[in-house]
Amino acid sequence: MSEKAEFLKSVDVSRETLERLEGFEQLLIKWNGAINLVSPHTIRQIWSRHFLDSAQIFDLSEGRSGLWMDIGSGGGFPGLIVAILAAEKRPDLSVMLVESDRRKAAFLTTAAVKLGLKVTVKADRIEALPPANCDILSARALAPLSDLLGYAARHLAKDGICLFPKGIRWRDELAEAAKNWSFSHEQFPSLTDKDAVILKMKEPVHV
């Protein structure tokens, strides 16, 4: 079974959404040689390594509307995948992508326009942005959990949630974060990495 077929077995999408995903794949391959949006050794694993990894984050977002803020968006994961899925499944969801690398931010802007997505791109550091009061905040492979909770405390709405995929050291990061932060959390096994989880976190408070 092809990678795309495996993705479609796990994620139910319409023909229009599939066409957007295929269009995003083409843009990613086209730009990746110049900007290195994803690691070269994973470019042939776009559907399993990147698309499915991002789609599972969308599925854990409790069907929320409002503002989804994705920080350190890089090549668009999970933020652009979230926006593609939301266009069909949750059209009242707005997506903000934060990426300080201006070349990557240019890619994100171009992709959003070409794919017809309701996306705002901020070419700035997360620390420099005013509080976003977002309903959902996500970050993939950006920073240690303690740092992510600092960003969340600034930008998350009172009843908002954080979605952070974490790798094999997730327990260590959780224990380290608990030294300085109070929070509630759940962990969900990753569909793409047996050693990884997605942490769903709420109410981060510095202690």
C-alpha atoms as a PDB file:
ATOM      1  CA  MET A   1       0.000   0.000   0.000  1.00  0.00           C
ATOM      2  CA  SER A   2       1.324   3.447  -0.917  1.00  0.00           C
ATOM      3  CA  GLU A   3       1.994   6.136   1.681  1.00  0.00           C
ATOM      4  CA  LYS A   4      -0.907   8.170   0.352  1.00  0.00           C
ATOM      5  CA  ALA A   5      -3.235   5.156   0.587  1.00  0.00           C
ATOM      6  CA  GLU A   6      -2.110   4.551   4.174  1.00  0.00           C
ATOM      7  CA  PHE A   7      -2.871   8.190   4.996  1.00  0.00           C
ATOM      8  CA  LEU A   8      -6.326   7.986   3.426  1.00  0.00           C
ATOM      9  CA  LYS A   9      -7.009   4.803   5.389  1.00  0.00           C
ATOM     10  CA  SER A  10      -6.453   6.755   8.614  1.00  0.00           C
ATOM     11  CA  VAL A  11      -7.873  10.166   7.644  1.00  0.00           C
ATOM     12  CA  ASP A  12     -11.253  10.610   5.962  1.00  0.00           C
ATOM     13  CA  VAL A  13     -11.109  13.514   3.497  1.00  0.00           C
ATOM     14  CA  SER A  14     -13.127  14.758   0.544  1.00  0.00           C
ATOM     15  CA  ARG A  15     -11.861  14.938  -3.032  1.00  0.00           C
ATOM     16  CA  GLU A  16     -11.359  18.703  -2.637  1.00  0.00           C
ATOM     17  CA  THR A  17      -9.264  18.237   0.501  1.00  0.00           C
ATOM     18  CA  LEU A  18      -7.223  15.491  -1.170  1.00  0.00           C
ATOM     19  CA  GLU A  19      -6.507  17.835  -4.071  1.00  0.00           C
ATOM     20  CA  ARG A  20      -5.307  20.493  -1.629  1.00  0.00           C
ATOM     21  CA  LEU A  21      -3.044  17.967   0.092  1.00  0.00           C
ATOM     22  CA  GLU A  22      -1.617  16.889  -3.267  1.00  0.00           C
ATOM     23  CA  GLY A  23      -1.084  20.536  -4.200  1.00  0.00           C
ATOM     24  CA  PHE A  24       0.709  21.131  -0.904  1.00  0.00           C
ATOM     25  CA  GLU A  25       2.907  18.084  -1.549  1.00  0.00           C
ATOM     26  CA  GLN A  26       3.941  19.500  -4.929  1.00  0.00           C
ATOM     27  CA  LEU A  27       4.738  22.921  -3.448  1.00  0.00           C
ATOM     28  CA  LEU A  28       6.753  21.367  -0.652  1.00  0.00           C
ATOM     29  CA  ILE A  29       8.869  19.312  -3.046  1.00  0.00           C
ATOM     30  CA  LYS A  30       9.360  22.312  -5.327  1.00  0.00           C
ATOM     31  CA  TRP A  31      10.550  24.649  -2.549  1.00  0.00           C
ATOM     32  CA  ASN A  32      12.416  22.152  -0.394  1.00  0.00           C
ATOM     33  CA  GLY A  33      15.615  22.131  -2.446  1.00  0.00           C
ATOM     34  CA  ALA A  34      16.089  25.863  -1.960  1.00  0.00           C
ATOM     35  CA  ILE A  35      14.870  26.326   1.611  1.00  0.00           C
ATOM     36  CA  ASN A  36      15.136  22.883   3.273  1.00  0.00           C
ATOM     37  CA  LEU A  37      11.621  22.968   4.703  1.00  0.00           C
ATOM     38  CA  VAL A  38      11.813  19.324   5.794  1.00  0.00           C
ATOM     39  CA  SER A  39      14.748  16.987   6.204  1.00  0.00           C
ATOM     40  CA  PRO A  40      15.842  15.622   2.779  1.00  0.00           C
ATOM     41  CA  HIS A  41      15.648  12.025   4.005  1.00  0.00           C
ATOM     42  CA  THR A  42      11.939  12.453   4.894  1.00  0.00           C
ATOM     43  CA  ILE A  43      10.852  14.159   1.656  1.00  0.00           C
ATOM     44  CA  ARG A  44       9.767  10.776   0.256  1.00  0.00           C
ATOM     45  CA  GLN A  45       7.741  10.146   3.405  1.00  0.00           C
ATOM     46  CA  ILE A  46       5.606  13.276   3.230  1.00  0.00           C
ATOM     47  CA  TRP A  47       2.270  11.511   3.651  1.00  0.00           C
ATOM     48  CA  SER A  48       3.280   9.317   6.586  1.00  0.00           C
ATOM     49  CA  ARG A  49       6.039  11.316   8.251  1.00  0.00           C
ATOM     50  CA  HIS A  50       4.489  14.784   7.955  1.00  0.00           C
ATOM     51  CA  PHE A  51       0.864  14.757   6.750  1.00  0.00           C
ATOM     52  CA  LEU A  52      -0.436  11.996   9.038  1.00  0.00           C
ATOM     53  CA  ASP A  53       1.652  13.279  11.943  1.00  0.00           C
ATOM     54  CA  SER A  54      -0.084  16.662  11.565  1.00  0.00           C
ATOM     55  CA  ALA A  55      -3.575  15.297  10.888  1.00  0.00           C
ATOM     56  CA  GLN A  56      -3.576  13.375  14.173  1.00  0.00           C
ATOM     57  CA  ILE A  57      -2.979  16.660  16.002  1.00  0.00           C
ATOM     58  CA  PHE A  58      -6.029  18.168  14.287  1.00  0.00           C
ATOM     59  CA  ASP A  59      -8.090  15.168  15.398  1.00  0.00           C
ATOM     60  CA  LEU A  60      -7.210  15.824  19.063  1.00  0.00           C
ATOM     61  CA  SER A  61      -8.410  19.436  19.027  1.00  0.00           C
ATOM     62  CA  GLU A  62     -11.882  18.647  20.448  1.00  0.00           C
ATOM     63  CA  GLY A  63     -13.710  20.119  17.450  1.00  0.00           C
ATOM     64  CA  ARG A  64     -12.939  23.629  18.660  1.00  0.00           C
ATOM     65  CA  SER A  65     -13.472  26.734  16.537  1.00  0.00           C
ATOM     66  CA  GLY A  66     -11.927  30.183  17.022  1.00  0.00           C
ATOM     67  CA  LEU A  67      -8.184  30.738  16.546  1.00  0.00           C
ATOM     68  CA  TRP A  68      -5.561  28.027  16.138  1.00  0.00           C
ATOM     69  CA  MET A  69      -2.040  29.404  16.606  1.00  0.00           C
ATOM     70  CA  ASP A  70       0.799  27.221  15.316  1.00  0.00           C
ATOM     71  CA  ILE A  71       4.245  28.422  16.365  1.00  0.00           C
ATOM     72  CA  GLY A  72       7.509  27.613  14.612  1.00  0.00           C
ATOM     73  CA  SER A  73       5.471  26.430  11.615  1.00  0.00           C
ATOM     74  CA  GLY A  74       8.494  25.773   9.388  1.00  0.00           C
ATOM     75  CA  GLY A  75       7.318  23.833   6.337  1.00  0.00           C
ATOM     76  CA  GLY A  76       3.685  24.015   7.470  1.00  0.00           C
ATOM     77  CA  PHE A  77       3.460  21.239  10.046  1.00  0.00           C
ATOM     78  CA  PRO A  78       1.072  20.946  11.617  1.00  0.00           C
ATOM     79  CA  GLY A  79      -0.350  24.398  10.779  1.00  0.00           C
ATOM     80  CA  LEU A  80      -0.989  24.149   7.034  1.00  0.00           C
ATOM     81  CA  ILE A  81      -2.340  20.611   7.342  1.00  0.00           C
ATOM     82  CA  VAL A  82      -4.669  21.901  10.069  1.00  0.00           C
ATOM     83  CA  ALA A  83      -5.839  24.676   7.744  1.00  0.00           C
ATOM     84  CA  ILE A  84      -6.383  22.234   4.856  1.00  0.00           C
ATOM     85  CA  LEU A  85      -8.468  19.887   7.004  1.00  0.00           C
ATOM     86  CA  ALA A  86     -10.346  22.760   8.653  1.00  0.00           C
ATOM     87  CA  ALA A  87     -11.395  24.214   5.279  1.00  0.00           C
ATOM     88  CA  GLU A  88     -13.677  21.195   4.893  1.00  0.00           C
ATOM     89  CA  LYS A  89     -14.361  20.032   8.432  1.00  0.00           C
ATOM     90  CA  ARG A  90     -14.265  23.226  10.500  1.00  0.00           C
ATOM     91  CA  PRO A  91     -14.628  26.331   8.281  1.00  0.00           C
ATOM     92  CA  ASP A  92     -15.141  28.611  11.314  1.00  0.00           C
ATOM     93  CA  LEU A  93     -11.586  27.895  12.489  1.00  0.00           C
ATOM     94  CA  SER A  94      -8.943  30.546  11.757  1.00  0.00           C
ATOM     95  CA  VAL A  95      -5.285  29.515  11.592  1.00  0.00           C
ATOM     96  CA  MET A  96      -2.279  31.695  12.433  1.00  0.00           C
ATOM     97  CA  LEU A  97       1.188  30.457  11.477  1.00  0.00           C
ATOM     98  CA  VAL A  98       4.171  31.969  13.290  1.00  0.00           C
ATOM     99  CA  GLU A  99       7.555  31.522  11.602  1.00  0.00           C
ATOM    100  CA  SER A 100      10.536  33.803  12.210  1.00  0.00           C
ATOM    101  CA  ASP A 101      12.519  32.559   9.188  1.00  0.00           C
ATOM    102  CA  ARG A 102      11.357  34.934   6.465  1.00  0.00           C
ATOM    103  CA  ARG A 103      12.039  32.490   3.634  1.00  0.00           C
ATOM    104  CA  LYS A 104       9.896  29.842   5.303  1.00  0.00           C
ATOM    105  CA  ALA A 105       7.247  32.459   6.071  1.00  0.00           C
ATOM    106  CA  ALA A 106       7.227  33.371   2.365  1.00  0.00           C
ATOM    107  CA  PHE A 107       6.652  29.703   1.508  1.00  0.00           C
ATOM    108  CA  LEU A 108       3.787  29.472   4.000  1.00  0.00           C
ATOM    109  CA  THR A 109       2.163  32.610   2.574  1.00  0.00           C
ATOM    110  CA  THR A 110       2.531  31.364  -1.002  1.00  0.00           C
ATOM    111  CA  ALA A 111       1.130  27.934  -0.135  1.00  0.00           C
ATOM    112  CA  ALA A 112      -1.844  29.394   1.725  1.00  0.00           C
ATOM    113  CA  VAL A 113      -2.744  31.622  -1.232  1.00  0.00           C
ATOM    114  CA  LYS A 114      -2.319  28.890  -3.852  1.00  0.00           C
ATOM    115  CA  LEU A 115      -4.346  26.413  -1.810  1.00  0.00           C
ATOM    116  CA  GLY A 116      -7.089  28.935  -0.984  1.00  0.00           C
ATOM    117  CA  LEU A 117      -6.731  28.669   2.778  1.00  0.00           C
ATOM    118  CA  LYS A 118      -7.904  30.997   5.557  1.00  0.00           C
ATOM    119  CA  VAL A 119      -4.463  31.508   7.083  1.00  0.00           C
ATOM    120  CA  THR A 120      -2.532  34.415   8.606  1.00  0.00           C
ATOM    121  CA  VAL A 121       1.271  34.198   8.528  1.00  0.00           C
ATOM    122  CA  LYS A 122       3.362  36.128  11.066  1.00  0.00           C
ATOM    123  CA  ALA A 123       7.022  36.421  10.047  1.00  0.00           C
ATOM    124  CA  ASP A 124       8.210  37.161  13.566  1.00  0.00           C
ATOM    125  CA  ARG A 125       9.445  35.543  16.751  1.00  0.00           C
ATOM    126  CA  ILE A 126       6.719  34.296  19.034  1.00  0.00           C
ATOM    127  CA  GLU A 127       8.154  36.370  21.898  1.00  0.00           C
ATOM    128  CA  ALA A 128       7.618  39.575  19.903  1.00  0.00           C
ATOM    129  CA  LEU A 129       3.914  39.073  19.213  1.00  0.00           C
ATOM    130  CA  PRO A 130       1.173  40.537  21.403  1.00  0.00           C
ATOM    131  CA  PRO A 131      -0.967  38.003  23.284  1.00  0.00           C
ATOM    132  CA  ALA A 132      -3.114  36.161  20.734  1.00  0.00           C
ATOM    133  CA  ASN A 133      -5.827  34.831  23.070  1.00  0.00           C
ATOM    134  CA  CYS A 134      -5.917  31.700  20.910  1.00  0.00           C
ATOM    135  CA  ASP A 135      -8.210  28.742  21.493  1.00  0.00           C
ATOM    136  CA  ILE A 136      -5.634  26.158  20.400  1.00  0.00           C
ATOM    137  CA  LEU A 137      -1.837  26.445  20.379  1.00  0.00           C
ATOM    138  CA  SER A 138       0.425  23.888  18.698  1.00  0.00           C
ATOM    139  CA  ALA A 139       4.133  23.444  18.080  1.00  0.00           C
ATOM    140  CA  ARG A 140       6.019  20.577  16.465  1.00  0.00           C
ATOM    141  CA  ALA A 141       9.749  20.040  17.061  1.00  0.00           C
ATOM    142  CA  LEU A 142      10.244  23.632  18.199  1.00  0.00           C
ATOM    143  CA  ALA A 143      11.465  23.812  21.813  1.00  0.00           C
ATOM    144  CA  PRO A 144      11.546  22.005  25.177  1.00  0.00           C
ATOM    145  CA  LEU A 145       8.186  21.679  26.890  1.00  0.00           C
ATOM    146  CA  SER A 146       9.081  24.226  29.598  1.00  0.00           C
ATOM    147  CA  ASP A 147       9.635  26.887  26.918  1.00  0.00           C
ATOM    148  CA  LEU A 148       6.455  25.924  25.077  1.00  0.00           C
ATOM    149  CA  LEU A 149       4.419  26.373  28.249  1.00  0.00           C
ATOM    150  CA  GLY A 150       5.862  29.874  28.590  1.00  0.00           C
ATOM    151  CA  TYR A 151       4.572  30.729  25.123  1.00  0.00           C
ATOM    152  CA  ALA A 152       1.238  29.115  25.936  1.00  0.00           C
ATOM    153  CA  ALA A 153       0.815  31.090  29.160  1.00  0.00           C
ATOM    154  CA  ARG A 154       1.188  34.293  27.120  1.00  0.00           C
ATOM    155  CA  HIS A 155      -0.912  33.446  24.073  1.00  0.00           C
ATOM    156  CA  LEU A 156      -3.565  30.946  25.163  1.00  0.00           C
ATOM    157  CA  ALA A 157      -7.145  31.910  25.979  1.00  0.00           C
ATOM    158  CA  LYS A 158      -8.342  31.064  29.492  1.00  0.00           C
ATOM    159  CA  ASP A 159     -10.006  27.794  28.469  1.00  0.00           C
ATOM    160  CA  GLY A 160      -7.661  27.053  25.557  1.00  0.00           C
ATOM    161  CA  ILE A 161      -5.685  23.880  24.905  1.00  0.00           C
ATOM    162  CA  CYS A 162      -2.128  23.144  23.797  1.00  0.00           C
ATOM    163  CA  LEU A 163      -1.197  20.280  21.479  1.00  0.00           C
ATOM    164  CA  PHE A 164       2.484  19.359  21.518  1.00  0.00           C
ATOM    165  CA  PRO A 165       3.851  16.240  19.793  1.00  0.00           C
ATOM    166  CA  LYS A 166       6.869  14.954  21.702  1.00  0.00           C
ATOM    167  CA  GLY A 167       9.388  12.194  21.030  1.00  0.00           C
ATOM    168  CA  ILE A 168      10.997   9.438  23.075  1.00  0.00           C
ATOM    169  CA  ARG A 169      12.085  11.814  25.902  1.00  0.00           C
ATOM    170  CA  TRP A 170       8.573  13.142  26.525  1.00  0.00           C
ATOM    171  CA  ARG A 171       8.452  11.840  30.106  1.00  0.00           C
ATOM    172  CA  ASP A 172      11.688  13.635  30.957  1.00  0.00           C
ATOM    173  CA  GLU A 173      10.383  16.868  29.421  1.00  0.00           C
ATOM    174  CA  LEU A 174       7.136  16.545  31.359  1.00  0.00           C
ATOM    175  CA  ALA A 175       8.976  16.017  34.642  1.00  0.00           C
ATOM    176  CA  GLU A 176      11.287  18.960  33.958  1.00  0.00           C
ATOM    177  CA  ALA A 177       8.362  21.241  33.071  1.00  0.00           C
ATOM    178  CA  ALA A 178       6.547  20.275  36.277  1.00  0.00           C
ATOM    179  CA  LYS A 179       9.362  21.847  38.312  1.00  0.00           C
ATOM    180  CA  ASN A 180       8.301  25.334  37.218  1.00  0.00           C
ATOM    181  CA  TRP A 181       4.797  24.959  35.813  1.00  0.00           C
ATOM    182  CA  SER A 182       1.393  23.871  37.022  1.00  0.00           C
ATOM    183  CA  PHE A 183      -0.796  22.358  34.282  1.00  0.00           C
ATOM    184  CA  SER A 184      -3.263  19.625  33.469  1.00  0.00           C
ATOM    185  CA  HIS A 185      -2.419  17.192  30.695  1.00  0.00           C
ATOM    186  CA  GLU A 186      -3.295  14.035  28.801  1.00  0.00           C
ATOM    187  CA  GLN A 187      -1.028  12.044  26.521  1.00  0.00           C
ATOM    188  CA  PHE A 188      -2.050  10.193  23.371  1.00  0.00           C
ATOM    189  CA  PRO A 189       0.083   7.645  21.493  1.00  0.00           C
ATOM    190  CA  SER A 190       1.421   8.861  18.154  1.00  0.00           C
ATOM    191  CA  LEU A 191       0.184   7.157  14.997  1.00  0.00           C
ATOM    192  CA  THR A 192       3.546   7.685  13.314  1.00  0.00           C
ATOM    193  CA  ASP A 193       6.121   6.865  16.016  1.00  0.00           C
ATOM    194  CA  LYS A 194       5.709   4.163  18.664  1.00  0.00           C
ATOM    195  CA  ASP A 195       7.967   6.082  21.071  1.00  0.00           C
ATOM    196  CA  ALA A 196       6.191   9.424  20.663  1.00  0.00           C
ATOM    197  CA  VAL A 197       3.042  11.003  22.085  1.00  0.00           C
ATOM    198  CA  ILE A 198       0.904  14.080  21.608  1.00  0.00           C
ATOM    199  CA  LEU A 199       0.520  16.027  24.838  1.00  0.00           C
ATOM    200  CA  LYS A 200      -2.789  17.832  25.282  1.00  0.00           C
ATOM    201  CA  MET A 201      -2.258  20.482  27.955  1.00  0.00           C
ATOM    202  CA  LYS A 202      -4.434  23.080  29.686  1.00  0.00           C
ATOM    203  CA  GLU A 203      -4.119  25.877  32.234  1.00  0.00           C
ATOM    204  CA  PRO A 204      -0.341  26.439  32.267  1.00  0.00           C
ATOM    205  CA  VAL A 205       0.625  28.583  35.267  1.00  0.00           C
ATOM    206  CA  HIS A 206       4.182  29.442  36.305  1.00  0.00           C
ATOM    207  CA  VAL A 207       4.932  28.467  39.901  1.00  0.00           C
END
